[in-house]
């Protein structure tokens, strides 16, 4: 996907931010590991959601790896913000 989605670069980036920021155990783990670089954000997300977000994993129409289009710079900036 390209373009913007809900103020994020794309749907995949929005999905990662949505799930990490709204699932308390993920949110607490993310906050404990700050600050993040884009690489650290990617590694964290891939570790806690190896198959993608629940919405990504449940989409049987997906033909690409779940995190292929995530903007990790944008995710790292979000994780580092208060």
C-alpha atoms as a PDB file:
ATOM      1  CA  UNK A   1       0.000   0.000   0.000  1.00  0.00           C
ATOM      2  CA  UNK A   2       1.123   3.537  -0.639  1.00  0.00           C
ATOM      3  CA  UNK A   3      -0.201   6.941   0.360  1.00  0.00           C
ATOM      4  CA  UNK A   4      -1.373   7.854   3.834  1.00  0.00           C
ATOM      5  CA  UNK A   5      -3.657   6.119   6.262  1.00  0.00           C
ATOM      6  CA  UNK A   6      -5.105   7.683   9.424  1.00  0.00           C
ATOM      7  CA  UNK A   7      -2.219  10.182   9.454  1.00  0.00           C
ATOM      8  CA  UNK A   8       0.448   7.490   9.033  1.00  0.00           C
ATOM      9  CA  UNK A   9       2.535   6.678   5.967  1.00  0.00           C
ATOM     10  CA  UNK A  10       0.426   3.597   5.172  1.00  0.00           C
ATOM     11  CA  UNK A  11      -1.888   0.956   6.646  1.00  0.00           C
ATOM     12  CA  UNK A  12       0.963  -1.305   7.786  1.00  0.00           C
ATOM     13  CA  UNK A  13       2.684   1.491   9.730  1.00  0.00           C
ATOM     14  CA  UNK A  14      -0.627   2.512  11.302  1.00  0.00           C
ATOM     15  CA  UNK A  15      -1.319  -1.116  12.280  1.00  0.00           C
ATOM     16  CA  UNK A  16       1.987  -1.453  14.140  1.00  0.00           C
ATOM     17  CA  UNK A  17       1.500   1.823  16.014  1.00  0.00           C
ATOM     18  CA  UNK A  18      -2.139   1.014  16.769  1.00  0.00           C
ATOM     19  CA  UNK A  19      -1.440  -2.403  18.282  1.00  0.00           C
ATOM     20  CA  UNK A  20       1.671  -1.479  20.260  1.00  0.00           C
ATOM     21  CA  UNK A  21       0.114   1.691  21.659  1.00  0.00           C
ATOM     22  CA  UNK A  22      -3.224   0.077  22.542  1.00  0.00           C
ATOM     23  CA  UNK A  23      -2.226  -3.282  24.006  1.00  0.00           C
ATOM     24  CA  UNK A  24      -1.047  -2.545  27.533  1.00  0.00           C
ATOM     25  CA  UNK A  25       1.608  -5.307  27.809  1.00  0.00           C
ATOM     26  CA  UNK A  26       3.139  -4.268  24.460  1.00  0.00           C
ATOM     27  CA  UNK A  27       2.942  -0.595  25.388  1.00  0.00           C
ATOM     28  CA  UNK A  28       4.671  -1.162  28.733  1.00  0.00           C
ATOM     29  CA  UNK A  29       7.411  -3.264  27.124  1.00  0.00           C
ATOM     30  CA  UNK A  30       7.962  -0.630  24.440  1.00  0.00           C
ATOM     31  CA  UNK A  31       8.165   2.190  26.993  1.00  0.00           C
ATOM     32  CA  UNK A  32      10.692   0.237  29.077  1.00  0.00           C
ATOM     33  CA  UNK A  33      13.025  -0.154  26.086  1.00  0.00           C
ATOM     34  CA  UNK A  34      13.107   3.451  24.888  1.00  0.00           C
ATOM     35  CA  UNK A  35      14.827   5.163  23.138  1.00  0.00           C
ATOM     36  CA  UNK A  36      14.378   3.388  19.800  1.00  0.00           C
ATOM     37  CA  UNK A  37      16.198   3.607  16.509  1.00  0.00           C
ATOM     38  CA  UNK A  38      14.313   2.419  13.418  1.00  0.00           C
ATOM     39  CA  UNK A  39      16.228  -0.880  13.557  1.00  0.00           C
ATOM     40  CA  UNK A  40      15.458  -1.390  17.247  1.00  0.00           C
ATOM     41  CA  UNK A  41      11.764  -0.644  16.607  1.00  0.00           C
ATOM     42  CA  UNK A  42      11.674  -3.225  13.813  1.00  0.00           C
ATOM     43  CA  UNK A  43      13.393  -5.877  15.920  1.00  0.00           C
ATOM     44  CA  UNK A  44      11.077  -5.222  18.877  1.00  0.00           C
ATOM     45  CA  UNK A  45       7.918  -5.470  16.771  1.00  0.00           C
ATOM     46  CA  UNK A  46       9.086  -8.549  14.904  1.00  0.00           C
ATOM     47  CA  UNK A  47       9.851 -10.232  18.218  1.00  0.00           C
ATOM     48  CA  UNK A  48       6.522  -9.453  19.902  1.00  0.00           C
ATOM     49  CA  UNK A  49       4.387  -9.983  16.773  1.00  0.00           C
ATOM     50  CA  UNK A  50       6.329 -12.352  14.497  1.00  0.00           C
ATOM     51  CA  UNK A  51       3.359 -12.984  12.207  1.00  0.00           C
ATOM     52  CA  UNK A  52       2.345  -9.349  12.050  1.00  0.00           C
ATOM     53  CA  UNK A  53      -0.382  -7.588  13.973  1.00  0.00           C
ATOM     54  CA  UNK A  54      -3.508  -9.661  14.594  1.00  0.00           C
ATOM     55  CA  UNK A  55      -5.176  -7.810  11.714  1.00  0.00           C
ATOM     56  CA  UNK A  56      -2.254  -8.517   9.395  1.00  0.00           C
ATOM     57  CA  UNK A  57      -2.092 -12.165  10.426  1.00  0.00           C
ATOM     58  CA  UNK A  58      -5.830 -12.587   9.901  1.00  0.00           C
ATOM     59  CA  UNK A  59      -5.827 -11.143   6.371  1.00  0.00           C
ATOM     60  CA  UNK A  60      -5.637 -14.197   4.127  1.00  0.00           C
ATOM     61  CA  UNK A  61      -5.476 -11.954   1.036  1.00  0.00           C
ATOM     62  CA  UNK A  62      -1.994 -10.708   2.009  1.00  0.00           C
ATOM     63  CA  UNK A  63       0.646 -11.604  -0.525  1.00  0.00           C
ATOM     64  CA  UNK A  64       3.592  -9.766   1.061  1.00  0.00           C
ATOM     65  CA  UNK A  65       5.404 -10.290   4.364  1.00  0.00           C
ATOM     66  CA  UNK A  66       3.508  -8.450   7.124  1.00  0.00           C
ATOM     67  CA  UNK A  67       6.098  -5.764   7.875  1.00  0.00           C
ATOM     68  CA  UNK A  68       7.417  -5.149   4.358  1.00  0.00           C
ATOM     69  CA  UNK A  69       5.896  -1.656   4.011  1.00  0.00           C
ATOM     70  CA  UNK A  70       6.202  -0.419   7.598  1.00  0.00           C
ATOM     71  CA  UNK A  71       8.005   2.922   7.945  1.00  0.00           C
ATOM     72  CA  UNK A  72      10.297   2.038  10.842  1.00  0.00           C
ATOM     73  CA  UNK A  73      11.570   5.614  11.168  1.00  0.00           C
ATOM     74  CA  UNK A  74       8.015   6.784  11.777  1.00  0.00           C
ATOM     75  CA  UNK A  75       7.431   3.954  14.262  1.00  0.00           C
ATOM     76  CA  UNK A  76      10.660   4.756  16.166  1.00  0.00           C
ATOM     77  CA  UNK A  77       9.645   8.429  16.375  1.00  0.00           C
ATOM     78  CA  UNK A  78       6.245   7.410  17.722  1.00  0.00           C
ATOM     79  CA  UNK A  79       7.738   5.002  20.260  1.00  0.00           C
ATOM     80  CA  UNK A  80      10.116   7.739  21.490  1.00  0.00           C
ATOM     81  CA  UNK A  81       7.408  10.363  21.918  1.00  0.00           C
ATOM     82  CA  UNK A  82       5.576  10.925  25.189  1.00  0.00           C
END
